[in-house]
Each structure stands twice: as C-alpha cells, then as structure tokens.
Amino acid sequence: MSEIEITREDGETGGRYVARLDGHEAEMTYSRAGPKRIIIDHTGVPDALRGKHVGNALVERAVMDARKEGFKIIPLCPFARATLKKHTEWQDVVQ
C-alpha cells in the first residue's frame, strides 16, 4: 500500500487538510474559532479510498498539529467527532 501524503492549507479564517493516496484526494476542512481553537466541520473521503484509514490519518494529523501549535479542536463533523471519541489518547486536544 502507498503511503498517505497529508498537507495542510491554512488561511486566515480556516483551511483544510488534504490526503493524497493512489491518485485520489480526501479532505478535512476546518474553521478558526479564535487563535487557539479550530472547528473541524467536514471530512470527505472518496469511495476509492474507503477502508484505507485515510479519514483517521487526517484527524490524527490535526491532533499532531494541535499538540505542536497549542490549539484545541472542536469536532462538529460527525466522522471527526467519532474518531476523536474512539482515541482516548487524543482527548487532550479536544474541546
């Protein structure tokens, strides 16, 4: 299996994480809720990438960035909320 490449496109009011794998692209979008919080509002994974843990990798990258940069995550997206809930070791960045 190929390695998942994840990049972050960050803007003034929000941005997105983009995962590329096997010629396909998945994304997780977020909005800023102040200088120390982001709201994950959508995760989209194409059918071609389903079952390859791409969505989980996107959430994990946001968790790593939150720890590194000192912000909290508000998971409004149902997928992100469920994924964060499953990983008790990520609760330190969830608000």
PDB file of N, CA and C in Angstrom:
ATOM      1  N   MET A   1       0.836  -1.188   0.000  1.00  0.00           N
ATOM      2  CA  MET A   1       0.000   0.000   0.000  1.00  0.00           C
ATOM      3  C   MET A   1       0.880   1.249   0.000  1.00  0.00           C
ATOM      4  N   SER A   2       0.461   2.260  -0.718  1.00  0.00           N
ATOM      5  CA  SER A   2       1.192   3.517  -0.777  1.00  0.00           C
ATOM      6  C   SER A   2       1.083   4.263   0.544  1.00  0.00           C
ATOM      7  N   GLU A   3       2.001   5.170   0.745  1.00  0.00           N
ATOM      8  CA  GLU A   3       1.962   5.989   1.950  1.00  0.00           C
ATOM      9  C   GLU A   3       1.033   7.178   1.725  1.00  0.00           C
ATOM     10  N   ILE A   4       0.297   7.536   2.745  1.00  0.00           N
ATOM     11  CA  ILE A   4      -0.632   8.665   2.657  1.00  0.00           C
ATOM     12  C   ILE A   4       0.160   9.956   2.829  1.00  0.00           C
ATOM     13  N   GLU A   5       0.032  10.844   1.861  1.00  0.00           N
ATOM     14  CA  GLU A   5       0.674  12.161   1.926  1.00  0.00           C
ATOM     15  C   GLU A   5      -0.380  13.162   2.390  1.00  0.00           C
ATOM     16  N   ILE A   6      -0.117  13.849   3.502  1.00  0.00           N
ATOM     17  CA  ILE A   6      -1.073  14.822   4.019  1.00  0.00           C
ATOM     18  C   ILE A   6      -0.427  16.201   4.054  1.00  0.00           C
ATOM     19  N   THR A   7      -1.124  17.174   3.484  1.00  0.00           N
ATOM     20  CA  THR A   7      -0.676  18.557   3.531  1.00  0.00           C
ATOM     21  C   THR A   7      -1.770  19.390   4.191  1.00  0.00           C
ATOM     22  N   ARG A   8      -1.377  20.572   4.627  1.00  0.00           N
ATOM     23  CA  ARG A   8      -2.320  21.492   5.281  1.00  0.00           C
ATOM     24  C   ARG A   8      -2.320  22.806   4.533  1.00  0.00           C
ATOM     25  N   GLU A   9      -3.502  23.251   4.183  1.00  0.00           N
ATOM     26  CA  GLU A   9      -3.685  24.546   3.543  1.00  0.00           C
ATOM     27  C   GLU A   9      -4.370  25.434   4.564  1.00  0.00           C
ATOM     28  N   ASP A  10      -3.649  26.421   5.057  1.00  0.00           N
ATOM     29  CA  ASP A  10      -4.117  27.230   6.180  1.00  0.00           C
ATOM     30  C   ASP A  10      -4.371  28.663   5.730  1.00  0.00           C
ATOM     31  N   GLY A  11      -5.549  29.169   6.042  1.00  0.00           N
ATOM     32  CA  GLY A  11      -5.888  30.546   5.712  1.00  0.00           C
ATOM     33  C   GLY A  11      -6.237  31.325   6.967  1.00  0.00           C
ATOM     34  N   GLU A  12      -6.619  32.556   6.776  1.00  0.00           N
ATOM     35  CA  GLU A  12      -6.922  33.435   7.905  1.00  0.00           C
ATOM     36  C   GLU A  12      -8.143  32.983   8.699  1.00  0.00           C
ATOM     37  N   THR A  13      -9.173  32.466   8.014  1.00  0.00           N
ATOM     38  CA  THR A  13     -10.412  32.077   8.695  1.00  0.00           C
ATOM     39  C   THR A  13     -10.612  30.570   8.776  1.00  0.00           C
ATOM     40  N   GLY A  14      -9.727  29.805   8.154  1.00  0.00           N
ATOM     41  CA  GLY A  14      -9.856  28.356   8.177  1.00  0.00           C
ATOM     42  C   GLY A  14      -8.916  27.712   7.189  1.00  0.00           C
ATOM     43  N   GLY A  15      -9.205  26.473   6.884  1.00  0.00           N
ATOM     44  CA  GLY A  15      -8.344  25.777   5.945  1.00  0.00           C
ATOM     45  C   GLY A  15      -8.783  24.345   5.769  1.00  0.00           C
ATOM     46  N   ARG A  16      -7.841  23.529   5.299  1.00  0.00           N
ATOM     47  CA  ARG A  16      -8.155  22.124   5.110  1.00  0.00           C
ATOM     48  C   ARG A  16      -6.889  21.293   5.158  1.00  0.00           C
ATOM     49  N   TYR A  17      -7.087  20.048   5.526  1.00  0.00           N
ATOM     50  CA  TYR A  17      -6.054  19.037   5.433  1.00  0.00           C
ATOM     51  C   TYR A  17      -6.399  18.207   4.203  1.00  0.00           C
ATOM     52  N   VAL A  18      -5.402  17.916   3.383  1.00  0.00           N
ATOM     53  CA  VAL A  18      -5.618  17.161   2.159  1.00  0.00           C
ATOM     54  C   VAL A  18      -4.746  15.911   2.197  1.00  0.00           C
ATOM     55  N   ALA A  19      -5.363  14.771   1.983  1.00  0.00           N
ATOM     56  CA  ALA A  19      -4.643  13.497   1.927  1.00  0.00           C
ATOM     57  C   ALA A  19      -4.654  13.006   0.493  1.00  0.00           C
ATOM     58  N   ARG A  20      -3.488  12.620   0.012  1.00  0.00           N
ATOM     59  CA  ARG A  20      -3.382  12.084  -1.343  1.00  0.00           C
ATOM     60  C   ARG A  20      -2.848  10.662  -1.273  1.00  0.00           C
ATOM     61  N   LEU A  21      -3.534   9.776  -1.968  1.00  0.00           N
ATOM     62  CA  LEU A  21      -3.143   8.372  -1.970  1.00  0.00           C
ATOM     63  C   LEU A  21      -3.630   7.729  -3.264  1.00  0.00           C
ATOM     64  N   ASP A  22      -2.746   7.047  -3.949  1.00  0.00           N
ATOM     65  CA  ASP A  22      -3.090   6.299  -5.164  1.00  0.00           C
ATOM     66  C   ASP A  22      -3.823   7.158  -6.195  1.00  0.00           C
ATOM     67  N   GLY A  23      -3.416   8.428  -6.319  1.00  0.00           N
ATOM     68  CA  GLY A  23      -4.017   9.320  -7.305  1.00  0.00           C
ATOM     69  C   GLY A  23      -5.347   9.920  -6.910  1.00  0.00           C
ATOM     70  N   HIS A  24      -5.776   9.706  -5.671  1.00  0.00           N
ATOM     71  CA  HIS A  24      -7.049  10.249  -5.177  1.00  0.00           C
ATOM     72  C   HIS A  24      -6.781  11.242  -4.049  1.00  0.00           C
ATOM     73  N   GLU A  25      -7.773  12.091  -3.790  1.00  0.00           N
ATOM     74  CA  GLU A  25      -7.634  13.128  -2.773  1.00  0.00           C
ATOM     75  C   GLU A  25      -8.821  13.103  -1.812  1.00  0.00           C
ATOM     76  N   ALA A  26      -8.519  13.150  -0.519  1.00  0.00           N
ATOM     77  CA  ALA A  26      -9.531  13.283   0.533  1.00  0.00           C
ATOM     78  C   ALA A  26      -9.244  14.577   1.273  1.00  0.00           C
ATOM     79  N   GLU A  27     -10.251  15.125   1.949  1.00  0.00           N
ATOM     80  CA  GLU A  27     -10.016  16.368   2.674  1.00  0.00           C
ATOM     81  C   GLU A  27     -10.788  16.420   3.978  1.00  0.00           C
ATOM     82  N   MET A  28     -10.273  17.247   4.871  1.00  0.00           N
ATOM     83  CA  MET A  28     -10.957  17.556   6.125  1.00  0.00           C
ATOM     84  C   MET A  28     -10.842  19.070   6.286  1.00  0.00           C
ATOM     85  N   THR A  29     -11.986  19.746   6.334  1.00  0.00           N
ATOM     86  CA  THR A  29     -11.973  21.202   6.406  1.00  0.00           C
ATOM     87  C   THR A  29     -12.210  21.691   7.835  1.00  0.00           C
ATOM     88  N   TYR A  30     -11.727  22.880   8.096  1.00  0.00           N
ATOM     89  CA  TYR A  30     -11.902  23.470   9.419  1.00  0.00           C
ATOM     90  C   TYR A  30     -12.036  24.984   9.323  1.00  0.00           C
ATOM     91  N   SER A  31     -12.643  25.544  10.354  1.00  0.00           N
ATOM     92  CA  SER A  31     -12.774  26.990  10.514  1.00  0.00           C
ATOM     93  C   SER A  31     -12.051  27.388  11.785  1.00  0.00           C
ATOM     94  N   ARG A  32     -11.584  28.599  11.834  1.00  0.00           N
ATOM     95  CA  ARG A  32     -10.942  29.105  13.048  1.00  0.00           C
ATOM     96  C   ARG A  32     -12.010  29.644  13.995  1.00  0.00           C
ATOM     97  N   ALA A  33     -11.854  29.315  15.260  1.00  0.00           N
ATOM     98  CA  ALA A  33     -12.755  29.825  16.304  1.00  0.00           C
ATOM     99  C   ALA A  33     -11.899  30.568  17.313  1.00  0.00           C
ATOM    100  N   GLY A  34     -11.124  31.514  16.832  1.00  0.00           N
ATOM    101  CA  GLY A  34     -10.187  32.244  17.674  1.00  0.00           C
ATOM    102  C   GLY A  34      -8.777  31.748  17.422  1.00  0.00           C
ATOM    103  N   PRO A  35      -7.807  32.346  18.108  1.00  0.00           N
ATOM    104  CA  PRO A  35      -6.404  31.999  17.864  1.00  0.00           C
ATOM    105  C   PRO A  35      -5.984  30.617  18.373  1.00  0.00           C
ATOM    106  N   LYS A  36      -6.752  30.036  19.266  1.00  0.00           N
ATOM    107  CA  LYS A  36      -6.347  28.771  19.884  1.00  0.00           C
ATOM    108  C   LYS A  36      -7.361  27.641  19.717  1.00  0.00           C
ATOM    109  N   ARG A  37      -8.285  27.782  18.730  1.00  0.00           N
ATOM    110  CA  ARG A  37      -9.283  26.729  18.501  1.00  0.00           C
ATOM    111  C   ARG A  37      -9.598  26.624  17.019  1.00  0.00           C
ATOM    112  N   ILE A  38      -9.813  25.386  16.570  1.00  0.00           N
ATOM    113  CA  ILE A  38     -10.337  25.162  15.221  1.00  0.00           C
ATOM    114  C   ILE A  38     -11.589  24.295  15.345  1.00  0.00           C
ATOM    115  N   ILE A  39     -12.484  24.472  14.390  1.00  0.00           N
ATOM    116  CA  ILE A  39     -13.698  23.667  14.313  1.00  0.00           C
ATOM    117  C   ILE A  39     -13.576  22.792  13.073  1.00  0.00           C
ATOM    118  N   ILE A  40     -13.458  21.489  13.266  1.00  0.00           N
ATOM    119  CA  ILE A  40     -13.465  20.569  12.123  1.00  0.00           C
ATOM    120  C   ILE A  40     -14.920  20.405  11.717  1.00  0.00           C
ATOM    121  N   ASP A  41     -15.229  20.815  10.474  1.00  0.00           N
ATOM    122  CA  ASP A  41     -16.633  20.825  10.060  1.00  0.00           C
ATOM    123  C   ASP A  41     -16.978  19.834   8.950  1.00  0.00           C
ATOM    124  N   HIS A  42     -15.987  19.231   8.320  1.00  0.00           N
ATOM    125  CA  HIS A  42     -16.299  18.293   7.233  1.00  0.00           C
ATOM    126  C   HIS A  42     -15.104  17.390   6.959  1.00  0.00           C
ATOM    127  N   THR A  43     -15.390  16.126   6.710  1.00  0.00           N
ATOM    128  CA  THR A  43     -14.383  15.180   6.235  1.00  0.00           C
ATOM    129  C   THR A  43     -14.972  14.473   5.024  1.00  0.00           C
ATOM    130  N   GLY A  44     -14.240  14.515   3.932  1.00  0.00           N
ATOM    131  CA  GLY A  44     -14.705  13.872   2.706  1.00  0.00           C
ATOM    132  C   GLY A  44     -13.657  12.905   2.170  1.00  0.00           C
ATOM    133  N   VAL A  45     -14.040  11.654   2.045  1.00  0.00           N
ATOM    134  CA  VAL A  45     -13.142  10.615   1.533  1.00  0.00           C
ATOM    135  C   VAL A  45     -13.830   9.947   0.340  1.00  0.00           C
ATOM    136  N   PRO A  46     -13.202   9.968  -0.833  1.00  0.00           N
ATOM    137  CA  PRO A  46     -13.838   9.326  -1.989  1.00  0.00           C
ATOM    138  C   PRO A  46     -13.928   7.811  -1.814  1.00  0.00           C
ATOM    139  N   ASP A  47     -14.873   7.217  -2.509  1.00  0.00           N
ATOM    140  CA  ASP A  47     -15.083   5.766  -2.411  1.00  0.00           C
ATOM    141  C   ASP A  47     -13.807   4.976  -2.670  1.00  0.00           C
ATOM    142  N   ALA A  48     -12.961   5.455  -3.572  1.00  0.00           N
ATOM    143  CA  ALA A  48     -11.726   4.738  -3.922  1.00  0.00           C
ATOM    144  C   ALA A  48     -10.768   4.618  -2.734  1.00  0.00           C
ATOM    145  N   LEU A  49     -10.924   5.485  -1.736  1.00  0.00           N
ATOM    146  CA  LEU A  49     -10.027   5.459  -0.573  1.00  0.00           C
ATOM    147  C   LEU A  49     -10.681   4.892   0.675  1.00  0.00           C
ATOM    148  N   ARG A  50     -11.920   4.510   0.589  1.00  0.00           N
ATOM    149  CA  ARG A  50     -12.616   3.961   1.765  1.00  0.00           C
ATOM    150  C   ARG A  50     -11.941   2.680   2.230  1.00  0.00           C
ATOM    151  N   GLY A  51     -11.870   2.514   3.532  1.00  0.00           N
ATOM    152  CA  GLY A  51     -11.254   1.326   4.116  1.00  0.00           C
ATOM    153  C   GLY A  51      -9.740   1.387   4.205  1.00  0.00           C
ATOM    154  N   LYS A  52      -9.152   2.510   3.812  1.00  0.00           N
ATOM    155  CA  LYS A  52      -7.687   2.647   3.840  1.00  0.00           C
ATOM    156  C   LYS A  52      -7.222   3.550   4.977  1.00  0.00           C
ATOM    157  N   HIS A  53      -8.111   3.881   5.892  1.00  0.00           N
ATOM    158  CA  HIS A  53      -7.813   4.670   7.084  1.00  0.00           C
ATOM    159  C   HIS A  53      -7.343   6.098   6.771  1.00  0.00           C
ATOM    160  N   VAL A  54      -7.772   6.617   5.639  1.00  0.00           N
ATOM    161  CA  VAL A  54      -7.389   7.961   5.231  1.00  0.00           C
ATOM    162  C   VAL A  54      -8.047   9.004   6.133  1.00  0.00           C
ATOM    163  N   GLY A  55      -9.329   8.836   6.430  1.00  0.00           N
ATOM    164  CA  GLY A  55     -10.015   9.774   7.323  1.00  0.00           C
ATOM    165  C   GLY A  55      -9.358   9.810   8.688  1.00  0.00           C
ATOM    166  N   ASN A  56      -9.018   8.655   9.212  1.00  0.00           N
ATOM    167  CA  ASN A  56      -8.346   8.570  10.510  1.00  0.00           C
ATOM    168  C   ASN A  56      -7.006   9.303  10.463  1.00  0.00           C
ATOM    169  N   ALA A  57      -6.275   9.147   9.357  1.00  0.00           N
ATOM    170  CA  ALA A  57      -4.979   9.815   9.210  1.00  0.00           C
ATOM    171  C   ALA A  57      -5.138  11.331   9.189  1.00  0.00           C
ATOM    172  N   LEU A  58      -6.220  11.828   8.581  1.00  0.00           N
ATOM    173  CA  LEU A  58      -6.471  13.271   8.566  1.00  0.00           C
ATOM    174  C   LEU A  58      -6.714  13.797   9.984  1.00  0.00           C
ATOM    175  N   VAL A  59      -7.531  13.096  10.747  1.00  0.00           N
ATOM    176  CA  VAL A  59      -7.809  13.509  12.122  1.00  0.00           C
ATOM    177  C   VAL A  59      -6.530  13.439  12.960  1.00  0.00           C
ATOM    178  N   GLU A  60      -5.760  12.383  12.787  1.00  0.00           N
ATOM    179  CA  GLU A  60      -4.514  12.250  13.545  1.00  0.00           C
ATOM    180  C   GLU A  60      -3.552  13.394  13.248  1.00  0.00           C
ATOM    181  N   ARG A  61      -3.479  13.815  11.992  1.00  0.00           N
ATOM    182  CA  ARG A  61      -2.602  14.940  11.631  1.00  0.00           C
ATOM    183  C   ARG A  61      -3.055  16.217  12.329  1.00  0.00           C
ATOM    184  N   ALA A  62      -4.372  16.446  12.394  1.00  0.00           N
ATOM    185  CA  ALA A  62      -4.880  17.627  13.103  1.00  0.00           C
ATOM    186  C   ALA A  62      -4.522  17.556  14.578  1.00  0.00           C
ATOM    187  N   VAL A  63      -4.602  16.380  15.174  1.00  0.00           N
ATOM    188  CA  VAL A  63      -4.228  16.199  16.580  1.00  0.00           C
ATOM    189  C   VAL A  63      -2.742  16.520  16.772  1.00  0.00           C
ATOM    190  N   MET A  64      -1.898  16.029  15.888  1.00  0.00           N
ATOM    191  CA  MET A  64      -0.460  16.300  15.993  1.00  0.00           C
ATOM    192  C   MET A  64      -0.182  17.796  15.881  1.00  0.00           C
ATOM    193  N   ASP A  65      -0.859  18.471  14.939  1.00  0.00           N
ATOM    194  CA  ASP A  65      -0.684  19.914  14.786  1.00  0.00           C
ATOM    195  C   ASP A  65      -1.190  20.666  16.011  1.00  0.00           C
ATOM    196  N   ALA A  66      -2.322  20.216  16.570  1.00  0.00           N
ATOM    197  CA  ALA A  66      -2.876  20.872  17.764  1.00  0.00           C
ATOM    198  C   ALA A  66      -1.885  20.790  18.923  1.00  0.00           C
ATOM    199  N   ARG A  67      -1.274  19.654  19.106  1.00  0.00           N
ATOM    200  CA  ARG A  67      -0.293  19.500  20.182  1.00  0.00           C
ATOM    201  C   ARG A  67       0.935  20.363  19.930  1.00  0.00           C
ATOM    202  N   LYS A  68       1.398  20.365  18.711  1.00  0.00           N
ATOM    203  CA  LYS A  68       2.601  21.116  18.351  1.00  0.00           C
ATOM    204  C   LYS A  68       2.388  22.625  18.452  1.00  0.00           C
ATOM    205  N   GLU A  69       1.191  23.089  18.029  1.00  0.00           N
ATOM    206  CA  GLU A  69       0.923  24.520  17.943  1.00  0.00           C
ATOM    207  C   GLU A  69       0.089  25.054  19.099  1.00  0.00           C
ATOM    208  N   GLY A  70      -0.394  24.170  19.966  1.00  0.00           N
ATOM    209  CA  GLY A  70      -1.104  24.606  21.159  1.00  0.00           C
ATOM    210  C   GLY A  70      -2.540  25.047  20.947  1.00  0.00           C
ATOM    211  N   PHE A  71      -3.239  24.442  20.001  1.00  0.00           N
ATOM    212  CA  PHE A  71      -4.652  24.787  19.840  1.00  0.00           C
ATOM    213  C   PHE A  71      -5.539  23.597  20.192  1.00  0.00           C
ATOM    214  N   LYS A  72      -6.826  23.861  20.365  1.00  0.00           N
ATOM    215  CA  LYS A  72      -7.818  22.837  20.675  1.00  0.00           C
ATOM    216  C   LYS A  72      -8.703  22.598  19.451  1.00  0.00           C
ATOM    217  N   ILE A  73      -9.296  21.413  19.400  1.00  0.00           N
ATOM    218  CA  ILE A  73     -10.158  21.013  18.286  1.00  0.00           C
ATOM    219  C   ILE A  73     -11.595  20.876  18.782  1.00  0.00           C
ATOM    220  N   ILE A  74     -12.502  21.518  18.072  1.00  0.00           N
ATOM    221  CA  ILE A  74     -13.929  21.357  18.303  1.00  0.00           C
ATOM    222  C   ILE A  74     -14.448  20.526  17.128  1.00  0.00           C
ATOM    223  N   PRO A  75     -14.814  19.269  17.352  1.00  0.00           N
ATOM    224  CA  PRO A  75     -15.203  18.392  16.246  1.00  0.00           C
ATOM    225  C   PRO A  75     -16.711  18.430  15.943  1.00  0.00           C
ATOM    226  N   LEU A  76     -17.125  19.288  15.030  1.00  0.00           N
ATOM    227  CA  LEU A  76     -18.530  19.320  14.623  1.00  0.00           C
ATOM    228  C   LEU A  76     -18.833  18.262  13.561  1.00  0.00           C
ATOM    229  N   CYS A  77     -17.854  17.909  12.787  1.00  0.00           N
ATOM    230  CA  CYS A  77     -18.017  16.853  11.773  1.00  0.00           C
ATOM    231  C   CYS A  77     -18.269  15.527  12.489  1.00  0.00           C
ATOM    232  N   PRO A  78     -19.333  14.817  12.124  1.00  0.00           N
ATOM    233  CA  PRO A  78     -19.637  13.544  12.795  1.00  0.00           C
ATOM    234  C   PRO A  78     -18.499  12.526  12.722  1.00  0.00           C
ATOM    235  N   PHE A  79     -17.812  12.440  11.582  1.00  0.00           N
ATOM    236  CA  PHE A  79     -16.707  11.492  11.464  1.00  0.00           C
ATOM    237  C   PHE A  79     -15.568  11.870  12.406  1.00  0.00           C
ATOM    238  N   ALA A  80     -15.168  13.135  12.398  1.00  0.00           N
ATOM    239  CA  ALA A  80     -14.074  13.575  13.271  1.00  0.00           C
ATOM    240  C   ALA A  80     -14.449  13.386  14.733  1.00  0.00           C
ATOM    241  N   ARG A  81     -15.683  13.714  15.091  1.00  0.00           N
ATOM    242  CA  ARG A  81     -16.136  13.552  16.475  1.00  0.00           C
ATOM    243  C   ARG A  81     -16.047  12.088  16.907  1.00  0.00           C
ATOM    244  N   ALA A  82     -16.530  11.178  16.060  1.00  0.00           N
ATOM    245  CA  ALA A  82     -16.496   9.746  16.387  1.00  0.00           C
ATOM    246  C   ALA A  82     -15.061   9.228  16.479  1.00  0.00           C
ATOM    247  N   THR A  83     -14.210   9.675  15.576  1.00  0.00           N
ATOM    248  CA  THR A  83     -12.815   9.229  15.572  1.00  0.00           C
ATOM    249  C   THR A  83     -12.087   9.721  16.813  1.00  0.00           C
ATOM    250  N   LEU A  84     -12.283  10.964  17.168  1.00  0.00           N
ATOM    251  CA  LEU A  84     -11.641  11.511  18.367  1.00  0.00           C
ATOM    252  C   LEU A  84     -12.152  10.807  19.622  1.00  0.00           C
ATOM    253  N   LYS A  85     -13.426  10.479  19.645  1.00  0.00           N
ATOM    254  CA  LYS A  85     -14.002   9.788  20.803  1.00  0.00           C
ATOM    255  C   LYS A  85     -13.397   8.394  20.983  1.00  0.00           C
ATOM    256  N   LYS A  86     -13.102   7.707  19.873  1.00  0.00           N
ATOM    257  CA  LYS A  86     -12.514   6.367  19.917  1.00  0.00           C
ATOM    258  C   LYS A  86     -11.084   6.377  20.460  1.00  0.00           C
ATOM    259  N   HIS A  87     -10.393   7.474  20.243  1.00  0.00           N
ATOM    260  CA  HIS A  87      -8.981   7.565  20.635  1.00  0.00           C
ATOM    261  C   HIS A  87      -8.843   8.384  21.922  1.00  0.00           C
ATOM    262  N   THR A  88      -8.912   7.713  23.026  1.00  0.00           N
ATOM    263  CA  THR A  88      -8.827   8.414  24.310  1.00  0.00           C
ATOM    264  C   THR A  88      -7.493   9.131  24.478  1.00  0.00           C
ATOM    265  N   GLU A  89      -6.467   8.667  23.803  1.00  0.00           N
ATOM    266  CA  GLU A  89      -5.151   9.297  23.913  1.00  0.00           C
ATOM    267  C   GLU A  89      -5.094  10.654  23.195  1.00  0.00           C
ATOM    268  N   TRP A  90      -6.145  11.014  22.457  1.00  0.00           N
ATOM    269  CA  TRP A  90      -6.193  12.299  21.760  1.00  0.00           C
ATOM    270  C   TRP A  90      -7.057  13.315  22.493  1.00  0.00           C
ATOM    271  N   GLN A  91      -7.643  12.969  23.607  1.00  0.00           N
ATOM    272  CA  GLN A  91      -8.600  13.841  24.292  1.00  0.00           C
ATOM    273  C   GLN A  91      -7.987  15.144  24.807  1.00  0.00           C
ATOM    274  N   ASP A  92      -6.675  15.190  24.949  1.00  0.00           N
ATOM    275  CA  ASP A  92      -6.030  16.396  25.458  1.00  0.00           C
ATOM    276  C   ASP A  92      -6.200  17.603  24.524  1.00  0.00           C
ATOM    277  N   VAL A  93      -6.520  17.368  23.253  1.00  0.00           N
ATOM    278  CA  VAL A  93      -6.677  18.479  22.319  1.00  0.00           C
ATOM    279  C   VAL A  93      -8.134  18.743  21.941  1.00  0.00           C
ATOM    280  N   VAL A  94      -9.048  17.964  22.488  1.00  0.00           N
ATOM    281  CA  VAL A  94     -10.470  18.124  22.165  1.00  0.00           C
ATOM    282  C   VAL A  94     -11.125  19.075  23.153  1.00  0.00           C
ATOM    283  N   GLN A  95     -11.929  19.974  22.583  1.00  0.00           N
ATOM    284  CA  GLN A  95     -12.655  20.902  23.455  1.00  0.00           C
ATOM    285  C   GLN A  95     -14.128  20.624  23.358  1.00  0.00           C
TER     286      GLN A  95
END
